[in-house]
Amino acid sequence: MSENFQAVVIGGGPGGYVCAIRLAQLGLKTACIESRGSLGGTCLNVGCIPSKSLLNLSEEFNKVKNLSNKGIEVGEVKLNLSKMMKSKDKAVTVLTKGVEFLLKKNKVKYFKGVGSFKSEKQILIKDIENKEIIINAEKTVIATGSVPVSLPGIEFDEKIILSSTGALNIEKVPKKMIVVGGGYIGLEMGSVWSRLGTEVHVIEFLENITPGMDMEISKEFMKILKKQGIKFHMQHKVNTIKKNNSGAVVSTTDKDGKKNDFDCEVVLISVGRKPNTKDLNLEMLGIELDEKKRIKTDKNFKTTKENIYAIGDVISGPMLAHKAEDEGIAAAENIVGQSGHVNYDTIPGVIYTTPEVASIGKTEEQLKEKKIDYKIGKFSFMANSRAKAIDDAEGFVKILADAKTDKVLGAHLIGPHAGELIAEIGVAMEFGASSEDIARTCHAHPTFSEAVKEAALSVDKRAIHS
């Protein structure tokens, strides 16, 4: 007999396992299916968590090398890459086991295997030994995430031609790395290897890095990364990548039609991700996809099939773990008749380089395009006492507010702890706050957060410390 569940979640990533836990909290008999063999999805296993571990460790390595400039004398600093990778892997293992414990605690049944639809209310699970079982689901949530995209005709081998997954597991520090794509992932991984001693070149098809980011922040970010030693080749189209005995050659054409060859040991292709839906058997069910092969859903995350929902990277919107988590909770609440909702105007984005970059809401370019009158408040970390005291004062805070109502429309930060500071602005925006509301909130001194207050004061041209 097939086991019956009131709700089944296919995918155990940030969206999937959170959704499964919330469904169980709401009283439904719930199962979660994950093909990887460990929970947490791309984010926890081969994405945000291991990359943040390496970003932190490489930054610590870089700091120790330069401590003598600050009066702290140390001996010769050596890199033990193998140990560093073990530290990264340990963090992943601890956290994946933690997620497994959370499912157990919330009485969610966990199936290890590939889930696909046998019918609208039946899920076929094939485990690692190719054994098959069928379970019945009253409601199903698809949360299978995304996979890296390569360039046409170029396949990842994860040794020389790398996806973000391969870039997390390089066995020795390469002399030279080419990063194809100037987005979040490429710049984070490029920063890791640059700090560990690799000569890093970024090849980008567009005129600016981090497409979609506020242009002023993007330009400042690139300026800082150049100062750190990363080399940029903008408006270059990659034609071919050919492996050879010493690595690979990346052949490009620049905006003037000039052809260029870049030799390197490894190539990281970081040009985006695509929804991971190929093994689900969606065609048989008639579930509709959009032009980017994402699953179409309504405002309640329901697909074109009444009892099947979808969240996270398989539907439209930014491919971010926290977006998927919020959708997982909202979808679960909608399934039981509550009013789950995600405010897509207040989803932050963070790049965990040094300095960090964070943004929320509208950019200047978007406001201009929509012909919305706005005011700008800016404050440099160079004038922030905490940042200056610890010699970490690159970057600035930028707040955009409606010219008439003063309501905060967006904020863009580059500087120390930007990923943490953006949360304050997110809360303000969620409650419809004005820049004056932030400006009149007492901030502890000396803290980095005072830069947010001063930027808010600056919207009305009344910053105190600049």
Protein backbone atom coordinates (compact mmCIF):
# COMPACT_ATOMS: atom_id res chain seq x y z
CA MET A 1 0.00 0.00 0.00
CA SER A 2 1.23 3.50 -0.87
CA GLU A 3 1.64 5.86 2.07
CA ASN A 4 -0.73 8.84 2.09
CA PHE A 5 0.31 12.41 2.87
CA GLN A 6 -1.69 15.60 3.07
CA ALA A 7 1.29 17.52 1.69
CA VAL A 8 4.48 16.51 -0.12
CA VAL A 9 7.36 18.88 -0.92
CA ILE A 10 9.69 17.86 -3.76
CA GLY A 11 13.05 19.45 -2.96
CA GLY A 12 14.82 19.89 0.36
CA GLY A 13 16.53 23.24 -0.24
CA PRO A 14 15.87 26.49 1.67
CA GLY A 15 12.42 26.84 0.12
CA GLY A 16 11.49 23.16 0.30
CA TYR A 17 12.51 22.21 3.83
CA VAL A 18 11.13 25.48 5.26
CA CYS A 19 7.84 24.86 3.45
CA ALA A 20 7.70 21.27 4.75
CA ILE A 21 8.32 22.40 8.35
CA ARG A 22 5.64 25.09 8.09
CA LEU A 23 3.13 22.61 6.62
CA ALA A 24 3.81 20.25 9.52
CA GLN A 25 3.44 23.11 12.02
CA LEU A 26 0.05 23.83 10.47
CA GLY A 27 -1.04 20.27 11.23
CA LEU A 28 -0.62 18.48 7.90
CA LYS A 29 0.96 15.04 7.53
CA THR A 30 3.97 16.07 5.44
CA ALA A 31 6.81 14.47 3.47
CA CYS A 32 9.91 16.04 1.94
CA ILE A 33 11.80 14.44 -0.97
CA GLU A 34 15.42 15.37 -1.71
CA SER A 35 17.60 13.82 -4.42
CA ARG A 36 20.99 15.06 -3.21
CA GLY A 37 21.31 12.73 -0.23
CA SER A 38 21.64 15.69 2.12
CA LEU A 39 19.21 18.49 2.84
CA GLY A 40 19.73 22.21 2.32
CA GLY A 41 19.76 22.28 -1.48
CA THR A 42 22.29 24.14 -3.61
CA CYS A 43 22.51 26.95 -1.04
CA LEU A 44 23.68 24.83 1.87
CA ASN A 45 25.61 22.12 0.01
CA VAL A 46 27.31 23.85 -2.94
CA GLY A 47 26.25 27.48 -2.81
CA CYS A 48 25.78 30.24 -0.28
CA ILE A 49 27.05 28.44 2.82
CA PRO A 50 30.34 26.91 1.56
CA SER A 51 31.08 30.03 -0.48
CA LYS A 52 30.58 32.25 2.59
CA SER A 53 32.88 29.95 4.56
CA LEU A 54 35.61 30.36 1.92
CA LEU A 55 34.98 34.10 1.64
CA ASN A 56 35.46 34.43 5.39
CA LEU A 57 38.52 32.17 5.56
CA SER A 58 40.23 33.85 2.60
CA GLU A 59 39.54 37.27 4.13
CA GLU A 60 41.05 36.13 7.45
CA PHE A 61 44.12 34.88 5.54
CA ASN A 62 44.40 38.24 3.79
CA LYS A 63 44.02 40.16 7.06
CA VAL A 64 46.73 38.15 8.84
CA LYS A 65 49.14 38.81 5.97
CA ASN A 66 48.65 42.55 6.50
CA LEU A 67 48.58 42.72 10.30
CA SER A 68 52.11 44.10 10.52
CA ASN A 69 50.80 47.34 8.94
CA LYS A 70 48.70 47.77 12.09
CA GLY A 71 51.43 47.04 14.60
CA ILE A 72 50.82 43.32 15.06
CA GLU A 73 53.93 41.36 14.13
CA VAL A 74 53.43 37.75 13.04
CA GLY A 75 55.66 35.10 11.53
CA GLU A 76 55.45 33.80 7.99
CA VAL A 77 51.83 33.24 6.98
CA LYS A 78 51.20 30.04 5.03
CA LEU A 79 48.08 28.77 3.33
CA ASN A 80 46.96 25.20 4.04
CA LEU A 81 44.27 24.88 1.35
CA SER A 82 43.37 21.32 2.27
CA LYS A 83 42.66 22.33 5.88
CA MET A 84 40.67 25.35 4.69
CA MET A 85 38.51 23.12 2.50
CA LYS A 86 37.95 20.72 5.42
CA SER A 87 36.78 23.65 7.55
CA LYS A 88 34.33 24.63 4.80
CA ASP A 89 33.07 21.03 4.47
CA LYS A 90 32.61 20.73 8.24
CA ALA A 91 30.36 23.81 8.28
CA VAL A 92 28.24 22.28 5.52
CA THR A 93 27.96 18.89 7.25
CA VAL A 94 26.94 20.40 10.59
CA LEU A 95 24.25 22.53 8.97
CA THR A 96 22.82 19.78 6.72
CA LYS A 97 22.54 17.47 9.74
CA GLY A 98 20.86 20.34 11.56
CA VAL A 99 18.18 20.60 8.85
CA GLU A 100 17.62 16.83 9.02
CA PHE A 101 17.08 17.19 12.77
CA LEU A 102 14.55 20.00 12.19
CA LEU A 103 12.49 17.81 9.84
CA LYS A 104 12.53 14.99 12.38
CA LYS A 105 11.61 17.36 15.22
CA ASN A 106 8.62 18.60 13.23
CA LYS A 107 7.59 15.04 12.24
CA VAL A 108 8.22 15.56 8.51
CA LYS A 109 8.99 12.26 6.76
CA TYR A 110 12.21 12.57 4.77
CA PHE A 111 12.69 10.56 1.57
CA LYS A 112 16.13 10.42 -0.07
CA GLY A 113 15.64 10.06 -3.81
CA VAL A 114 14.46 11.68 -7.04
CA GLY A 115 10.78 12.58 -6.96
CA SER A 116 8.63 12.82 -10.08
CA PHE A 117 4.92 12.88 -10.82
CA LYS A 118 3.30 9.58 -11.73
CA SER A 119 -0.05 11.32 -11.73
CA GLU A 120 -1.48 14.51 -10.29
CA LYS A 121 -1.71 13.02 -6.81
CA GLN A 122 0.95 10.31 -6.97
CA ILE A 123 4.70 10.83 -6.56
CA LEU A 124 7.25 8.26 -7.71
CA ILE A 125 10.48 8.25 -5.66
CA LYS A 126 13.58 6.57 -7.05
CA ASP A 127 16.37 6.20 -4.45
CA ILE A 128 20.15 5.97 -4.99
CA GLU A 129 19.87 2.19 -5.41
CA ASN A 130 17.18 2.67 -8.09
CA LYS A 131 14.49 1.23 -5.81
CA GLU A 132 11.10 2.78 -6.47
CA ILE A 133 8.24 3.63 -4.15
CA ILE A 134 5.04 5.56 -4.76
CA ILE A 135 3.41 7.91 -2.27
CA ASN A 136 0.08 9.71 -2.48
CA ALA A 137 -0.19 13.46 -2.00
CA GLU A 138 -3.27 15.61 -1.56
CA LYS A 139 -1.15 18.72 -2.17
CA THR A 140 2.34 18.91 -3.67
CA VAL A 141 4.85 21.78 -3.60
CA ILE A 142 7.60 21.82 -6.24
CA ALA A 143 10.80 23.30 -4.78
CA THR A 144 13.54 21.73 -6.90
CA GLY A 145 15.66 24.87 -7.26
CA SER A 146 18.03 25.68 -10.10
CA VAL A 147 21.23 24.50 -11.77
CA PRO A 148 24.17 26.46 -13.27
CA VAL A 149 23.98 27.47 -16.93
CA SER A 150 26.99 27.11 -19.22
CA LEU A 151 27.74 28.80 -22.52
CA PRO A 152 26.44 27.20 -25.75
CA GLY A 153 28.52 24.14 -26.67
CA ILE A 154 30.67 24.30 -23.52
CA GLU A 155 30.30 21.65 -20.83
CA PHE A 156 31.45 21.79 -17.22
CA ASP A 157 34.09 19.21 -16.28
CA GLU A 158 34.54 20.77 -12.77
CA LYS A 159 38.32 20.44 -13.11
CA ILE A 160 39.26 23.09 -15.69
CA ILE A 161 35.88 24.41 -16.84
CA LEU A 162 34.08 25.10 -13.59
CA SER A 163 30.60 25.93 -12.42
CA SER A 164 30.20 27.55 -9.01
CA THR A 165 30.20 24.00 -7.58
CA GLY A 166 33.65 23.22 -9.00
CA ALA A 167 35.00 26.61 -7.86
CA LEU A 168 34.32 25.54 -4.26
CA ASN A 169 36.51 22.45 -4.57
CA ILE A 170 39.71 23.47 -6.38
CA GLU A 171 42.54 21.32 -4.99
CA LYS A 172 45.43 23.77 -5.44
CA VAL A 173 45.54 27.52 -5.85
CA PRO A 174 45.53 28.24 -9.62
CA LYS A 175 48.04 30.73 -10.98
CA LYS A 176 45.38 32.30 -13.19
CA MET A 177 41.58 32.10 -13.29
CA ILE A 178 39.18 33.51 -15.86
CA VAL A 179 35.71 34.29 -14.53
CA VAL A 180 33.11 34.51 -17.30
CA GLY A 181 30.32 36.74 -16.00
CA GLY A 182 30.44 39.74 -13.65
CA GLY A 183 27.50 38.82 -11.44
CA TYR A 184 27.19 37.98 -7.74
CA ILE A 185 28.55 34.41 -7.85
CA GLY A 186 31.47 35.07 -10.19
CA LEU A 187 32.68 38.08 -8.20
CA GLU A 188 32.39 36.27 -4.86
CA MET A 189 34.34 33.22 -6.04
CA GLY A 190 36.81 35.39 -7.94
CA SER A 191 37.43 37.33 -4.70
CA VAL A 192 38.11 34.10 -2.78
CA TRP A 193 40.79 32.89 -5.17
CA SER A 194 42.27 36.35 -5.71
CA ARG A 195 42.88 36.67 -1.96
CA LEU A 196 44.50 33.23 -1.90
CA GLY A 197 47.00 34.25 -4.60
CA THR A 198 45.33 33.64 -7.99
CA GLU A 199 45.50 36.19 -10.78
CA VAL A 200 41.79 36.71 -11.54
CA HIS A 201 40.38 38.15 -14.77
CA VAL A 202 36.64 38.82 -15.17
CA ILE A 203 35.18 38.77 -18.67
CA GLU A 204 31.77 40.45 -18.94
CA PHE A 205 29.55 40.86 -22.00
CA LEU A 206 27.89 44.03 -20.69
CA GLU A 207 29.30 47.47 -19.95
CA ASN A 208 28.99 47.12 -16.16
CA ILE A 209 29.31 44.37 -13.57
CA THR A 210 26.37 43.23 -11.40
CA PRO A 211 23.59 43.86 -13.96
CA GLY A 212 20.44 45.31 -12.40
CA MET A 213 22.28 46.85 -9.46
CA ASP A 214 22.16 50.60 -8.81
CA MET A 215 24.72 51.98 -11.27
CA GLU A 216 26.55 54.21 -8.79
CA ILE A 217 27.13 51.25 -6.48
CA SER A 218 28.17 49.02 -9.39
CA LYS A 219 30.83 51.51 -10.53
CA GLU A 220 32.18 51.97 -6.99
CA PHE A 221 32.24 48.19 -6.50
CA MET A 222 34.27 47.64 -9.65
CA LYS A 223 36.70 50.40 -8.68
CA ILE A 224 37.33 48.72 -5.29
CA LEU A 225 37.73 45.24 -6.81
CA LYS A 226 40.25 46.61 -9.32
CA LYS A 227 42.21 48.11 -6.42
CA GLN A 228 42.25 44.63 -4.87
CA GLY A 229 43.91 43.25 -8.01
CA ILE A 230 41.02 41.76 -9.99
CA LYS A 231 41.26 42.63 -13.69
CA PHE A 232 38.15 43.37 -15.76
CA HIS A 233 37.50 43.00 -19.49
CA MET A 234 34.13 44.58 -20.21
CA GLN A 235 31.99 44.23 -23.34
CA HIS A 236 33.78 41.04 -24.36
CA LYS A 237 31.84 38.19 -25.96
CA VAL A 238 33.22 34.70 -25.30
CA ASN A 239 33.48 32.76 -28.57
CA THR A 240 35.20 29.54 -27.50
CA ILE A 241 36.86 27.90 -24.52
CA LYS A 242 39.41 25.28 -25.49
CA LYS A 243 41.25 23.07 -23.04
CA ASN A 244 44.96 22.41 -23.43
CA ASN A 245 47.81 20.83 -21.44
CA SER A 246 48.17 23.82 -19.10
CA GLY A 247 44.48 24.61 -18.64
CA ALA A 248 42.40 26.46 -21.20
CA VAL A 249 42.28 29.33 -23.66
CA VAL A 250 39.26 31.64 -23.61
CA SER A 251 38.78 33.40 -26.96
CA THR A 252 36.73 36.60 -27.04
CA THR A 253 35.70 39.46 -29.28
CA ASP A 254 35.56 42.94 -27.75
CA LYS A 255 33.17 45.81 -28.56
CA ASP A 256 35.49 47.04 -31.34
CA GLY A 257 35.56 43.63 -33.03
CA LYS A 258 39.09 42.84 -31.86
CA LYS A 259 39.75 39.18 -31.03
CA ASN A 260 41.55 38.33 -27.77
CA ASP A 261 42.88 35.10 -26.26
CA PHE A 262 43.17 34.60 -22.49
CA ASP A 263 45.31 31.70 -21.18
CA CYS A 264 44.44 30.33 -17.76
CA GLU A 265 44.57 27.27 -15.54
CA VAL A 266 40.85 27.27 -14.77
CA VAL A 267 37.71 28.96 -16.12
CA LEU A 268 34.72 29.70 -13.90
CA ILE A 269 31.57 30.11 -15.98
CA SER A 270 29.13 32.20 -13.99
CA VAL A 271 26.50 33.40 -16.43
CA GLY A 272 23.36 32.46 -14.52
CA ARG A 273 21.17 29.56 -13.46
CA LYS A 274 18.09 27.84 -14.84
CA PRO A 275 15.10 26.12 -13.18
CA ASN A 276 15.68 22.47 -12.32
CA THR A 277 12.47 20.84 -13.57
CA LYS A 278 13.62 18.21 -16.08
CA ASP A 279 12.96 15.07 -13.98
CA LEU A 280 9.54 16.06 -12.66
CA ASN A 281 7.39 14.82 -15.57
CA LEU A 282 5.56 18.15 -15.78
CA GLU A 283 4.67 17.72 -19.46
CA MET A 284 2.55 14.66 -18.66
CA LEU A 285 0.54 16.71 -16.16
CA GLY A 286 0.20 19.70 -18.47
CA ILE A 287 1.73 22.16 -16.00
CA GLU A 288 2.46 25.36 -17.90
CA LEU A 289 5.93 26.96 -18.11
CA ASP A 290 6.85 30.50 -19.16
CA GLU A 291 9.34 31.52 -21.88
CA LYS A 292 12.26 30.97 -19.47
CA LYS A 293 11.05 27.45 -18.59
CA ARG A 294 9.91 28.59 -15.15
CA ILE A 295 6.71 27.15 -13.71
CA LYS A 296 3.75 29.49 -14.03
CA THR A 297 1.98 30.21 -10.73
CA ASP A 298 -0.73 32.53 -9.46
CA LYS A 299 -0.36 34.89 -6.48
CA ASN A 300 -0.92 31.94 -4.10
CA PHE A 301 1.93 29.90 -5.75
CA LYS A 302 -0.60 27.53 -7.31
CA THR A 303 0.36 26.10 -10.72
CA THR A 304 -2.09 25.45 -13.55
CA LYS A 305 -3.00 22.28 -11.63
CA GLU A 306 -5.32 22.87 -8.67
CA ASN A 307 -3.43 20.83 -6.04
CA ILE A 308 0.17 21.50 -7.18
CA TYR A 309 2.18 24.53 -6.04
CA ALA A 310 5.68 25.80 -6.87
CA ILE A 311 8.17 28.09 -5.08
CA GLY A 312 11.77 29.31 -5.24
CA ASP A 313 14.06 29.19 -8.24
CA VAL A 314 11.58 27.19 -10.38
CA ILE A 315 9.22 30.20 -10.55
CA SER A 316 9.76 33.83 -11.54
CA GLY A 317 11.69 36.29 -9.38
CA PRO A 318 15.23 36.54 -8.02
CA MET A 319 17.00 33.21 -7.44
CA LEU A 320 17.73 33.83 -3.76
CA ALA A 321 17.51 31.42 -0.83
CA HIS A 322 15.65 33.90 1.40
CA LYS A 323 13.09 34.59 -1.34
CA ALA A 324 12.47 30.83 -1.58
CA GLU A 325 12.12 30.53 2.21
CA ASP A 326 9.51 33.29 2.38
CA GLU A 327 7.62 31.72 -0.54
CA GLY A 328 7.75 28.32 1.18
CA ILE A 329 6.10 29.72 4.30
CA ALA A 330 3.53 31.70 2.27
CA ALA A 331 2.65 28.68 0.09
CA ALA A 332 2.21 26.45 3.14
CA GLU A 333 -0.11 28.99 4.75
CA ASN A 334 -2.11 29.35 1.53
CA ILE A 335 -2.53 25.56 1.31
CA VAL A 336 -4.36 25.52 4.66
CA GLY A 337 -6.52 28.53 3.78
CA GLN A 338 -4.50 31.30 5.42
CA SER A 339 -3.25 34.43 3.62
CA GLY A 340 0.43 33.78 2.93
CA HIS A 341 2.13 36.68 1.17
CA VAL A 342 5.60 37.75 -0.02
CA ASN A 343 6.46 41.42 -0.51
CA TYR A 344 8.78 41.32 -3.52
CA ASP A 345 9.61 45.02 -3.12
CA THR A 346 11.53 44.33 0.10
CA ILE A 347 13.68 41.34 -0.81
CA PRO A 348 17.32 42.27 -0.18
CA GLY A 349 20.25 41.16 -2.31
CA VAL A 350 23.76 40.84 -0.88
CA ILE A 351 27.21 40.22 -2.38
CA TYR A 352 29.53 38.85 0.32
CA THR A 353 32.81 40.23 -0.96
CA THR A 354 34.99 42.63 1.04
CA PRO A 355 33.50 45.17 1.22
CA GLU A 356 29.99 43.73 1.13
CA VAL A 357 27.36 45.10 -1.24
CA ALA A 358 23.65 45.11 -0.40
CA SER A 359 20.52 46.51 -2.00
CA ILE A 360 16.78 46.58 -1.45
CA GLY A 361 13.89 48.15 -3.32
CA LYS A 362 14.23 50.36 -6.37
CA THR A 363 17.45 51.59 -8.00
CA GLU A 364 17.89 55.13 -9.30
CA GLU A 365 17.64 53.80 -12.84
CA GLN A 366 14.30 52.10 -12.11
CA LEU A 367 12.87 55.24 -10.52
CA LYS A 368 13.93 57.33 -13.52
CA GLU A 369 12.39 54.80 -15.90
CA LYS A 370 9.08 54.94 -13.98
CA LYS A 371 9.29 58.76 -13.83
CA ILE A 372 9.05 58.77 -10.02
CA ASP A 373 10.40 61.92 -8.37
CA TYR A 374 12.89 60.98 -5.67
CA LYS A 375 15.44 62.41 -3.24
CA ILE A 376 18.87 60.90 -2.49
CA GLY A 377 20.65 60.68 0.83
CA LYS A 378 24.27 59.48 0.89
CA PHE A 379 26.83 59.00 3.60
CA SER A 380 30.39 57.74 3.26
CA PHE A 381 31.89 55.22 5.66
CA MET A 382 34.98 57.44 5.59
CA ALA A 383 33.02 59.72 7.95
CA ASN A 384 31.80 56.87 10.17
CA SER A 385 33.80 56.72 13.40
CA ARG A 386 33.54 52.94 13.88
CA ALA A 387 34.65 52.24 10.29
CA LYS A 388 37.56 54.67 10.56
CA ALA A 389 38.63 53.28 13.95
CA ILE A 390 39.08 49.78 12.54
CA ASP A 391 40.42 50.92 9.14
CA ASP A 392 37.44 49.51 7.20
CA ALA A 393 35.97 52.65 5.70
CA GLU A 394 35.49 51.98 1.99
CA GLY A 395 32.05 52.58 0.51
CA PHE A 396 28.86 54.44 1.36
CA VAL A 397 25.14 54.18 2.17
CA LYS A 398 22.62 55.50 -0.33
CA ILE A 399 18.92 55.92 0.47
CA LEU A 400 16.27 56.79 -2.12
CA ALA A 401 13.03 58.38 -0.89
CA ASP A 402 9.90 59.69 -2.57
CA ALA A 403 10.29 63.43 -3.23
CA LYS A 404 6.78 64.24 -1.94
CA THR A 405 6.01 61.71 0.79
CA ASP A 406 9.60 60.91 1.93
CA LYS A 407 8.68 57.18 1.90
CA VAL A 408 11.82 55.02 1.49
CA LEU A 409 11.78 53.49 -2.01
CA GLY A 410 15.17 51.77 -2.02
CA ALA A 411 18.59 51.60 -0.42
CA HIS A 412 22.00 50.57 -1.73
CA LEU A 413 25.08 49.99 0.41
CA ILE A 414 28.70 49.15 -0.21
CA GLY A 415 30.87 48.84 2.87
CA PRO A 416 31.48 46.91 6.09
CA HIS A 417 28.62 44.61 7.18
CA ALA A 418 26.33 45.93 4.42
CA GLY A 419 24.47 42.60 4.41
CA GLU A 420 23.49 43.10 8.05
CA LEU A 421 22.79 46.85 7.79
CA ILE A 422 20.30 46.36 4.94
CA ALA A 423 17.92 44.58 7.35
CA GLU A 424 17.15 47.81 9.20
CA ILE A 425 16.08 49.43 5.96
CA GLY A 426 14.07 46.33 5.04
CA VAL A 427 12.07 46.61 8.27
CA ALA A 428 11.56 50.34 7.65
CA MET A 429 10.30 49.70 4.10
CA GLU A 430 8.03 46.84 5.23
CA PHE A 431 6.25 49.29 7.56
CA GLY A 432 6.15 52.10 4.97
CA ALA A 433 8.63 54.28 6.86
CA SER A 434 9.98 57.61 5.69
CA SER A 435 13.65 58.53 5.64
CA GLU A 436 12.86 60.85 8.58
CA ASP A 437 11.62 57.85 10.58
CA ILE A 438 15.06 56.26 10.20
CA ALA A 439 16.82 59.58 10.85
CA ARG A 440 14.92 60.14 14.12
CA THR A 441 15.62 56.61 15.41
CA CYS A 442 18.46 56.62 17.96
CA HIS A 443 21.43 54.54 16.76
CA ALA A 444 24.19 53.38 19.12
CA HIS A 445 27.58 55.10 18.88
CA PRO A 446 30.05 54.12 17.58
CA THR A 447 28.44 51.68 15.13
CA PHE A 448 28.39 51.10 11.39
CA SER A 449 24.60 51.57 11.55
CA GLU A 450 25.11 55.28 12.19
CA ALA A 451 25.98 55.53 8.49
CA VAL A 452 22.39 54.46 7.73
CA LYS A 453 21.02 57.16 10.06
CA GLU A 454 23.29 59.81 8.50
CA ALA A 455 22.24 58.77 4.96
CA ALA A 456 18.62 59.14 6.06
CA LEU A 457 19.42 62.61 7.46
CA SER A 458 21.16 63.41 4.17
CA VAL A 459 17.93 62.80 2.22
CA ASP A 460 16.77 66.12 3.70
CA LYS A 461 20.25 67.65 3.43
CA ARG A 462 20.83 67.64 7.19
CA ALA A 463 23.56 65.06 7.77
CA ILE A 464 25.62 66.00 10.82
CA HIS A 465 28.99 64.34 10.12
CA SER A 466 29.53 65.21 6.46
